[in-house]
Protein backbone atom coordinates (compact mmCIF):
# COMPACT_ATOMS: atom_id res chain seq x y z
CA UNK A 1 -3.20 -33.66 9.86
CA UNK A 2 0.37 -34.78 9.89
CA UNK A 3 -0.48 -37.00 12.90
CA UNK A 4 -3.40 -38.60 11.10
CA UNK A 5 -1.37 -39.23 7.96
CA UNK A 6 1.33 -40.93 9.92
CA UNK A 7 -1.26 -43.07 11.72
CA UNK A 8 -2.81 -44.10 8.43
CA UNK A 9 0.60 -45.17 7.03
CA UNK A 10 -0.35 -45.46 3.36
CA UNK A 11 1.42 -42.30 2.11
CA UNK A 12 -1.92 -40.69 1.22
CA UNK A 13 -2.14 -37.07 2.06
CA UNK A 14 -4.90 -34.66 2.93
CA UNK A 15 -6.17 -32.50 0.07
CA UNK A 16 -6.73 -28.91 1.32
CA UNK A 17 -9.52 -26.89 -0.08
CA UNK A 18 -9.60 -23.21 1.08
CA UNK A 19 -12.93 -21.40 0.49
CA UNK A 20 -14.68 -18.11 1.18
CA UNK A 21 -18.31 -17.19 1.70
CA UNK A 22 -19.77 -14.45 -0.45
CA UNK A 23 -20.02 -10.86 0.70
CA UNK A 24 -17.18 -11.21 3.24
CA UNK A 25 -19.29 -13.42 5.53
CA UNK A 26 -16.68 -15.95 6.39
CA UNK A 27 -14.00 -18.48 5.19
CA UNK A 28 -12.77 -21.87 5.96
CA UNK A 29 -10.56 -24.84 5.19
CA UNK A 30 -11.84 -28.34 4.25
CA UNK A 31 -9.27 -31.20 4.30
CA UNK A 32 -9.89 -34.66 3.02
CA UNK A 33 -7.84 -37.82 2.90
CA UNK A 34 -9.35 -40.79 0.83
CA UNK A 35 -8.19 -44.28 0.07
CA UNK A 36 -5.78 -44.81 2.96
CA UNK A 37 -4.84 -48.09 4.62
CA UNK A 38 -6.60 -47.21 7.96
CA UNK A 39 -8.57 -44.11 6.83
CA UNK A 40 -10.96 -44.95 4.01
CA UNK A 41 -12.04 -41.38 4.32
CA UNK A 42 -10.99 -38.74 6.79
CA UNK A 43 -12.35 -35.21 6.76
CA UNK A 44 -11.60 -32.10 8.81
CA UNK A 45 -13.27 -28.65 8.61
CA UNK A 46 -12.38 -25.30 10.00
CA UNK A 47 -14.88 -22.53 9.48
CA UNK A 48 -15.18 -18.96 10.55
CA UNK A 49 -18.47 -17.35 9.68
CA UNK A 50 -20.54 -14.26 10.50
CA UNK A 51 -24.00 -13.09 9.57
CA UNK A 52 -27.32 -12.09 10.88
CA UNK A 53 -29.66 -14.42 12.68
CA UNK A 54 -32.82 -15.40 10.90
CA UNK A 55 -35.98 -15.62 12.94
CA UNK A 56 -36.01 -19.43 12.61
CA UNK A 57 -32.41 -19.77 13.90
CA UNK A 58 -32.99 -17.24 16.68
CA UNK A 59 -36.06 -19.01 17.92
CA UNK A 60 -34.33 -22.39 17.97
CA UNK A 61 -31.39 -20.96 19.94
CA UNK A 62 -33.46 -18.87 22.41
CA UNK A 63 -35.57 -21.94 23.12
CA UNK A 64 -32.47 -23.75 24.37
CA UNK A 65 -31.95 -21.16 27.10
CA UNK A 66 -29.91 -18.43 25.35
CA UNK A 67 -31.89 -15.54 26.82
CA UNK A 68 -29.58 -12.96 25.23
CA UNK A 69 -30.86 -13.90 21.76
CA UNK A 70 -33.90 -12.13 20.39
CA UNK A 71 -36.36 -14.81 19.09
CA UNK A 72 -37.42 -12.37 16.37
CA UNK A 73 -33.88 -12.58 14.84
CA UNK A 74 -31.89 -9.79 13.18
CA UNK A 75 -28.89 -9.78 15.62
CA UNK A 76 -25.36 -10.10 14.13
CA UNK A 77 -23.52 -13.27 15.10
CA UNK A 78 -20.09 -14.91 14.57
CA UNK A 79 -19.16 -18.55 14.84
CA UNK A 80 -16.02 -20.65 14.65
CA UNK A 81 -15.86 -24.40 14.52
CA UNK A 82 -13.45 -27.34 14.04
CA UNK A 83 -14.94 -30.71 13.11
CA UNK A 84 -13.66 -34.02 11.93
CA UNK A 85 -14.82 -37.48 11.12
CA UNK A 86 -12.64 -40.57 10.42
CA UNK A 87 -14.28 -43.40 8.52
CA UNK A 88 -12.07 -46.49 8.83
CA UNK A 89 -11.42 -49.01 5.98
CA UNK A 90 -11.49 -51.78 8.62
CA UNK A 91 -14.97 -52.81 9.95
CA UNK A 92 -13.55 -53.55 13.34
CA UNK A 93 -12.24 -49.98 13.77
CA UNK A 94 -14.98 -47.58 14.95
CA UNK A 95 -15.87 -44.26 13.24
CA UNK A 96 -14.52 -41.27 15.13
CA UNK A 97 -16.49 -38.03 15.16
CA UNK A 98 -15.61 -34.87 17.04
CA UNK A 99 -15.96 -31.14 16.97
CA UNK A 100 -15.45 -27.95 19.03
CA UNK A 101 -17.16 -24.66 18.37
CA UNK A 102 -17.70 -21.13 19.55
CA UNK A 103 -20.79 -19.04 19.00
CA UNK A 104 -20.96 -15.27 19.80
CA UNK A 105 -23.94 -12.87 19.85
CA UNK A 106 -24.45 -9.58 21.67
CA UNK A 107 -21.08 -9.78 23.48
CA UNK A 108 -21.81 -13.28 24.85
CA UNK A 109 -19.92 -16.52 24.09
CA UNK A 110 -21.14 -20.03 24.09
CA UNK A 111 -18.97 -23.14 23.64
CA UNK A 112 -19.89 -26.54 22.36
CA UNK A 113 -18.30 -29.74 21.12
CA UNK A 114 -17.77 -33.37 21.84
CA UNK A 115 -16.29 -36.66 20.69
CA UNK A 116 -18.00 -39.99 20.15
CA UNK A 117 -17.45 -43.44 18.55
CA UNK A 118 -19.69 -45.39 16.16
CA UNK A 119 -18.51 -48.97 15.91
CA UNK A 120 -19.89 -51.64 13.62
CA UNK A 121 -18.89 -54.29 16.18
CA UNK A 122 -18.88 -53.83 19.90
CA UNK A 123 -15.74 -54.41 22.01
CA UNK A 124 -16.28 -53.64 25.63
CA UNK A 125 -12.65 -53.01 26.42
CA UNK A 126 -12.66 -50.37 23.62
CA UNK A 127 -15.73 -48.70 25.08
CA UNK A 128 -14.31 -48.68 28.59
CA UNK A 129 -10.99 -47.26 27.31
CA UNK A 130 -12.61 -44.55 25.33
CA UNK A 131 -15.07 -43.46 28.02
CA UNK A 132 -12.27 -43.76 30.68
CA UNK A 133 -10.11 -41.37 28.71
CA UNK A 134 -12.84 -38.72 28.51
CA UNK A 135 -13.82 -39.18 32.14
CA UNK A 136 -10.13 -38.25 32.97
CA UNK A 137 -10.43 -35.09 30.92
CA UNK A 138 -13.75 -34.05 32.50
CA UNK A 139 -12.64 -34.85 36.05
CA UNK A 140 -10.04 -32.07 35.76
CA UNK A 141 -12.84 -29.56 35.68
CA UNK A 142 -15.77 -31.00 37.67
CA UNK A 143 -16.48 -34.41 39.32
CA UNK A 144 -19.95 -34.55 37.72
CA UNK A 145 -19.03 -33.23 34.31
CA UNK A 146 -18.38 -36.58 32.63
CA UNK A 147 -21.75 -38.10 33.68
CA UNK A 148 -23.54 -35.01 32.50
CA UNK A 149 -21.85 -34.77 29.14
CA UNK A 150 -22.02 -38.50 28.50
CA UNK A 151 -25.74 -38.52 29.16
CA UNK A 152 -26.07 -35.51 26.93
CA UNK A 153 -24.25 -37.49 24.15
CA UNK A 154 -26.48 -40.48 24.54
CA UNK A 155 -29.54 -38.39 24.34
CA UNK A 156 -28.32 -36.32 21.31
CA UNK A 157 -27.10 -39.22 19.09
CA UNK A 158 -30.42 -41.01 19.13
CA UNK A 159 -32.44 -41.92 16.02
CA UNK A 160 -36.12 -41.77 17.05
CA UNK A 161 -37.36 -43.34 13.78
CA UNK A 162 -35.19 -46.41 14.43
CA UNK A 163 -35.44 -46.23 18.27
CA UNK A 164 -31.68 -46.75 18.21
CA UNK A 165 -28.69 -44.90 19.61
CA UNK A 166 -25.91 -44.12 17.13
CA UNK A 167 -22.82 -45.61 18.45
CA UNK A 168 -21.45 -46.03 22.01
CA UNK A 169 -21.49 -42.34 22.84
CA UNK A 170 -18.80 -40.32 24.40
CA UNK A 171 -19.13 -36.56 25.18
CA UNK A 172 -21.42 -33.87 23.86
CA UNK A 173 -22.00 -30.37 25.18
CA UNK A 174 -23.63 -27.21 23.79
CA UNK A 175 -24.54 -23.78 24.88
CA UNK A 176 -21.95 -23.67 27.62
CA UNK A 177 -21.90 -20.04 28.76
CA UNK A 178 -18.37 -18.78 29.16
CA UNK A 179 -19.37 -16.24 31.73
CA UNK A 180 -21.87 -18.29 33.73
CA UNK A 181 -20.22 -21.65 34.11
CA UNK A 182 -18.59 -22.82 37.36
CA UNK A 183 -15.45 -23.97 35.54
CA UNK A 184 -13.21 -22.70 32.73
CA UNK A 185 -15.26 -23.57 29.61
CA UNK A 186 -12.74 -22.39 27.11
CA UNK A 187 -10.02 -24.38 28.66
CA UNK A 188 -12.26 -27.46 28.81
CA UNK A 189 -13.17 -27.09 25.13
CA UNK A 190 -9.47 -26.74 24.19
CA UNK A 191 -8.66 -29.90 26.20
CA UNK A 192 -11.40 -31.76 24.23
CA UNK A 193 -9.90 -30.62 21.00
CA UNK A 194 -6.44 -31.78 22.02
CA UNK A 195 -7.78 -35.22 23.13
CA UNK A 196 -9.65 -36.18 19.99
CA UNK A 197 -6.92 -38.27 18.30
CA UNK A 198 -5.40 -39.65 21.52
CA UNK A 199 -8.81 -41.06 22.64
CA UNK A 200 -9.08 -43.13 19.43
CA UNK A 201 -5.52 -43.90 18.28
CA UNK A 202 -4.78 -46.99 20.49
CA UNK A 203 -8.23 -48.48 19.73
CA UNK A 204 -7.65 -48.05 15.95
CA UNK A 205 -4.13 -49.46 16.11
CA UNK A 206 -5.28 -52.53 18.07
CA UNK A 207 -8.24 -53.38 15.76
CA UNK A 208 -6.67 -52.63 12.39
CA UNK A 209 -4.39 -55.70 12.66
CA UNK A 210 -7.29 -58.16 13.05
CA UNK A 211 -8.55 -60.21 10.11
CA UNK A 212 -12.11 -59.52 8.87
CA UNK A 213 -14.50 -61.18 6.47
CA UNK A 214 -16.51 -59.90 3.56
CA UNK A 215 -19.65 -60.32 5.67
CA UNK A 216 -18.25 -57.98 8.35
CA UNK A 217 -17.34 -55.46 5.68
CA UNK A 218 -20.93 -55.56 4.34
CA UNK A 219 -22.24 -55.08 7.81
CA UNK A 220 -20.03 -52.00 8.27
CA UNK A 221 -21.57 -50.54 5.11
CA UNK A 222 -25.06 -51.17 6.37
CA UNK A 223 -24.34 -49.57 9.72
CA UNK A 224 -22.98 -46.55 7.90
CA UNK A 225 -26.46 -45.99 6.69
CA UNK A 226 -27.56 -45.30 10.24
CA UNK A 227 -24.71 -42.78 10.57
CA UNK A 228 -25.91 -40.81 7.56
CA UNK A 229 -29.56 -41.09 8.50
CA UNK A 230 -28.87 -39.35 11.76
CA UNK A 231 -26.93 -36.49 10.10
CA UNK A 232 -29.53 -35.81 7.46
CA UNK A 233 -32.58 -36.14 9.69
CA UNK A 234 -31.58 -34.96 13.22
CA UNK A 235 -28.20 -33.33 13.41
CA UNK A 236 -28.48 -29.64 14.40
CA UNK A 237 -25.10 -28.70 12.88
CA UNK A 238 -26.04 -30.14 9.45
CA UNK A 239 -29.35 -28.35 9.55
CA UNK A 240 -27.66 -25.10 10.56
CA UNK A 241 -25.07 -25.40 7.84
CA UNK A 242 -27.52 -26.30 5.05
CA UNK A 243 -29.38 -23.03 5.75
CA UNK A 244 -27.02 -21.01 3.52
CA UNK A 245 -23.86 -22.90 4.24
CA UNK A 246 -21.38 -24.56 1.93
CA UNK A 247 -22.79 -27.91 0.96
CA UNK A 248 -19.46 -29.65 0.11
CA UNK A 249 -18.06 -28.85 3.57
CA UNK A 250 -21.17 -29.96 5.31
CA UNK A 251 -21.61 -33.28 3.43
CA UNK A 252 -17.85 -34.11 3.56
CA UNK A 253 -18.59 -36.01 6.79
CA UNK A 254 -20.62 -38.62 4.93
CA UNK A 255 -19.06 -42.10 4.66
CA UNK A 256 -17.43 -42.88 1.30
CA UNK A 257 -19.49 -46.11 0.70
CA UNK A 258 -22.90 -47.01 2.22
CA UNK A 259 -25.25 -49.93 1.78
CA UNK A 260 -28.98 -49.96 2.35
CA UNK A 261 -31.00 -53.18 2.28
CA UNK A 262 -34.64 -53.73 3.16
CA UNK A 263 -35.49 -54.89 6.63
CA UNK A 264 -32.13 -56.31 7.63
CA UNK A 265 -32.48 -58.56 10.76
CA UNK A 266 -29.19 -59.87 12.16
CA UNK A 267 -28.90 -63.51 13.14
CA UNK A 268 -29.97 -64.26 16.70
CA UNK A 269 -27.05 -64.40 19.04
CA UNK A 270 -24.66 -62.87 16.60
CA UNK A 271 -22.19 -60.07 17.16
CA UNK A 272 -24.30 -57.99 14.75
CA UNK A 273 -27.44 -58.53 16.80
CA UNK A 274 -25.50 -57.64 19.94
CA UNK A 275 -24.59 -54.26 18.49
CA UNK A 276 -28.21 -53.62 17.54
CA UNK A 277 -29.44 -54.55 20.92
CA UNK A 278 -26.90 -52.15 22.49
CA UNK A 279 -28.22 -49.33 20.26
CA UNK A 280 -31.74 -50.19 21.42
CA UNK A 281 -30.76 -49.93 25.09
CA UNK A 282 -30.89 -53.66 25.64
CA UNK A 283 -27.85 -54.04 27.91
CA UNK A 284 -27.08 -52.94 31.48
CA UNK A 285 -23.32 -52.41 31.96
CA UNK A 286 -21.00 -53.10 34.87
CA UNK A 287 -17.37 -52.48 34.04
CA UNK A 288 -14.32 -51.10 35.55
CA UNK A 289 -13.72 -47.61 34.05
CA UNK A 290 -10.43 -47.35 35.85
CA UNK A 291 -8.40 -49.74 38.01
CA UNK A 292 -7.18 -48.40 41.28
CA UNK A 293 -3.67 -49.27 42.56
CA UNK A 294 -3.69 -52.52 44.48
CA UNK A 295 -2.97 -50.76 47.74
CA UNK A 296 -6.15 -48.63 47.38
CA UNK A 297 -8.59 -51.44 46.56
CA UNK A 298 -11.08 -52.72 49.06
CA UNK A 299 -10.57 -56.35 50.09
CA UNK A 300 -12.68 -58.79 48.05
CA UNK A 301 -13.07 -62.59 47.93
CA UNK A 302 -11.09 -64.11 45.06
CA UNK A 303 -14.20 -65.69 43.55
CA UNK A 304 -15.88 -62.39 42.75
CA UNK A 305 -15.66 -62.85 39.03
CA UNK A 306 -18.73 -61.18 37.53
CA UNK A 307 -17.10 -57.76 37.15
CA UNK A 308 -15.03 -58.44 33.99
CA UNK A 309 -12.94 -56.17 31.80
CA UNK A 310 -13.65 -58.44 28.75
CA UNK A 311 -17.47 -58.32 28.92
CA UNK A 312 -20.66 -56.90 30.33
CA UNK A 313 -22.83 -58.09 33.16
CA UNK A 314 -25.38 -59.18 30.57
CA UNK A 315 -22.68 -61.29 28.81
CA UNK A 316 -21.70 -62.96 32.13
CA UNK A 317 -25.37 -63.77 32.93
CA UNK A 318 -25.88 -65.29 29.52
CA UNK A 319 -22.78 -67.47 29.92
CA UNK A 320 -23.92 -68.60 33.28
CA UNK A 321 -27.46 -69.39 32.05
CA UNK A 322 -26.10 -71.39 29.06
CA UNK A 323 -24.11 -73.49 31.59
CA UNK A 324 -27.17 -73.91 33.84
CA UNK A 325 -25.61 -71.83 36.65
CA UNK A 326 -26.31 -68.49 38.36
CA UNK A 327 -24.45 -66.11 40.62
CA UNK A 328 -24.49 -66.95 44.27
CA UNK A 329 -25.90 -64.44 46.76
CA UNK A 330 -22.32 -64.11 48.05
CA UNK A 331 -21.04 -62.99 44.68
CA UNK A 332 -23.95 -60.61 44.11
CA UNK A 333 -23.37 -58.91 47.44
CA UNK A 334 -19.61 -58.70 46.83
CA UNK A 335 -20.15 -57.06 43.38
CA UNK A 336 -22.47 -54.62 45.10
CA UNK A 337 -19.81 -53.75 47.69
CA UNK A 338 -17.27 -53.23 44.85
CA UNK A 339 -19.67 -50.84 43.15
CA UNK A 340 -20.09 -48.69 46.24
CA UNK A 341 -16.73 -49.03 47.96
CA UNK A 342 -14.07 -47.80 45.58
CA UNK A 343 -13.48 -50.05 42.62
CA UNK A 344 -14.91 -47.31 40.47
CA UNK A 345 -17.16 -49.80 38.80
CA UNK A 346 -19.58 -48.07 36.42
CA UNK A 347 -23.22 -49.15 36.52
CA UNK A 348 -25.32 -47.70 33.66
CA UNK A 349 -28.31 -48.47 31.54
CA UNK A 350 -26.91 -47.14 28.25
CA UNK A 351 -27.67 -43.40 28.51
CA UNK A 352 -30.00 -43.35 31.44
CA UNK A 353 -27.61 -41.57 33.81
CA UNK A 354 -29.02 -38.20 34.83
CA UNK A 355 -28.36 -35.72 37.61
CA UNK A 356 -30.83 -35.82 40.43
CA UNK A 357 -33.09 -34.56 41.86
CA UNK A 358 -35.28 -33.81 38.90
CA UNK A 359 -37.94 -31.23 39.67
CA UNK A 360 -41.14 -31.59 37.57
CA UNK A 361 -43.39 -28.52 37.59
CA UNK A 362 -45.55 -28.96 34.47
CA UNK A 363 -47.15 -31.61 32.30
CA UNK A 364 -44.71 -30.71 29.48
CA UNK A 365 -41.73 -31.23 31.79
CA UNK A 366 -43.17 -34.59 32.90
CA UNK A 367 -43.67 -35.80 29.36
CA UNK A 368 -40.15 -34.76 28.44
CA UNK A 369 -38.67 -36.89 31.31
CA UNK A 370 -40.95 -39.77 30.43
CA UNK A 371 -39.99 -39.73 26.75
CA UNK A 372 -36.29 -39.57 27.79
CA UNK A 373 -36.76 -42.54 29.99
CA UNK A 374 -38.51 -44.53 27.20
CA UNK A 375 -35.66 -43.78 24.88
CA UNK A 376 -32.76 -44.44 27.24
CA UNK A 377 -33.85 -46.81 30.05
CA UNK A 378 -34.37 -50.56 29.58
CA UNK A 379 -38.00 -51.02 30.39
CA UNK A 380 -37.58 -54.12 32.73
CA UNK A 381 -35.18 -52.05 34.88
CA UNK A 382 -37.18 -48.75 34.84
CA UNK A 383 -38.68 -47.34 38.05
CA UNK A 384 -42.49 -47.12 38.23
CA UNK A 385 -42.44 -43.31 38.38
CA UNK A 386 -40.89 -43.20 34.92
CA UNK A 387 -43.74 -45.01 33.20
CA UNK A 388 -46.20 -42.30 34.10
CA UNK A 389 -44.41 -39.23 35.43
CA UNK A 390 -46.70 -36.96 37.56
CA UNK A 391 -47.05 -33.30 36.47
CA UNK A 392 -45.75 -32.00 39.85
CA UNK A 393 -43.17 -34.09 41.64
CA UNK A 394 -39.56 -34.58 42.46
CA UNK A 395 -37.66 -37.60 41.09
CA UNK A 396 -34.81 -38.56 43.38
CA UNK A 397 -32.36 -41.33 44.15
CA UNK A 398 -35.10 -43.84 44.60
CA UNK A 399 -35.07 -44.28 40.86
CA UNK A 400 -31.48 -45.57 41.12
CA UNK A 401 -32.31 -47.76 44.05
CA UNK A 402 -35.12 -49.44 42.03
CA UNK A 403 -32.83 -49.95 39.03
CA UNK A 404 -30.09 -51.30 41.23
CA UNK A 405 -32.49 -53.74 42.90
CA UNK A 406 -33.64 -55.01 39.48
CA UNK A 407 -30.01 -55.40 38.52
CA UNK A 408 -29.08 -57.33 41.66
CA UNK A 409 -32.14 -59.54 41.11
CA UNK A 410 -31.04 -60.23 37.56
CA UNK A 411 -27.59 -61.03 38.72
CA UNK A 412 -28.98 -63.75 40.99
CA UNK A 413 -31.68 -65.16 38.78
CA UNK A 414 -30.62 -64.33 35.28
CA UNK A 415 -33.44 -62.04 34.35
CA UNK A 416 -35.30 -58.93 35.55
CA UNK A 417 -38.01 -59.60 38.11
CA UNK A 418 -40.51 -58.41 35.47
CA UNK A 419 -39.23 -60.46 32.56
CA UNK A 420 -41.89 -63.14 33.05
CA UNK A 421 -44.67 -60.53 32.45
CA UNK A 422 -42.96 -59.64 29.19
CA UNK A 423 -42.64 -63.27 28.14
CA UNK A 424 -46.27 -63.91 28.93
CA UNK A 425 -47.36 -60.95 26.81
CA UNK A 426 -48.74 -58.97 29.78
CA UNK A 427 -48.32 -55.18 30.14
CA UNK A 428 -44.83 -54.54 31.56
CA UNK A 429 -45.91 -51.10 32.74
CA UNK A 430 -48.79 -52.47 34.72
CA UNK A 431 -46.64 -55.17 36.24
CA UNK A 432 -44.03 -52.70 37.41
CA UNK A 433 -46.48 -50.11 38.67
CA UNK A 434 -48.34 -52.73 40.73
């Protein structure tokens, strides 16, 4: 709390509210700072609770793979959690949300948590810095952990009713079995807790000094509406807490001010539209998550300019198209070499990264993968198998090869090979599958 107060710099202090649940079933501390220079509202919760699982809760937990939990309910449980959310007074400073938690039943322990950003305006260097920080934390424990928990975050913070992602993601994990994991889950969770403020501080300090307009402030209030929509409609923690929990501590994460207007459509080509398109999965990214020392970099021609720290591949293609130019085949192939040879360039389709192979053994599993692809993969870059996933199959690296091919094509010609079908009103799915 002291670190956050110092960062805010206004002299405002956290108000501390200690509370207890009835019948000796738990206690906690809720801390809130309001009206600061940087922090319009900052809230942190610590809760320690115990009780008996209801049938509804037990069924939900056992359905996520917790085999030790009896779906009929009735088992005693204990839980501990630390959560925080920082809503900035400045519209160019993203909202920070994070938590770590422990759940225990029948002698078994599961850990969960995460950290994510929800900006009102998109800055690619902020996104790269934030994700690069958490990749460094994850890499200490497992080479594939970052990709797994980033994809989990993208999938979790999705608003189906809006068909939008909330924010630029980060990390999310749940139900990590302390006994069954291949790494030290408790140490990892503690590292996540220690990294929450450091992952955000430099970004907040950099953006808080920039001038902003009343229109940008109004846009921030509108986007906060999406934040609250997700919490109330989809967040598992909120639903869990509202089932007998302390309402003030649960709703303290809500933004201090929010605006809702009917059918807001941002101006075409604006920064506001760019953020909405990102949320809809409309951009494919190529950016450098981490620069290697010069001595370790592969050789590359000096005119390989399309991998940029100050923008996405989509931005670069739009700039070239506006100037009546396109990337040369030499540049495209050089970028491809950089992707595969050690520049640690990250190629993603906002949330589509998944571990492969994916084994499909039922119609239900096929539909789950298909729905995930519809939510997270830009359609014009999506492999044919993902439009109609067979009930019994294995999805492998050919999905990535297809997406990479579409990306390389777009780099050369400024659009997906199937964009023409979309522009002509034809069925994209049929065009891809043919």
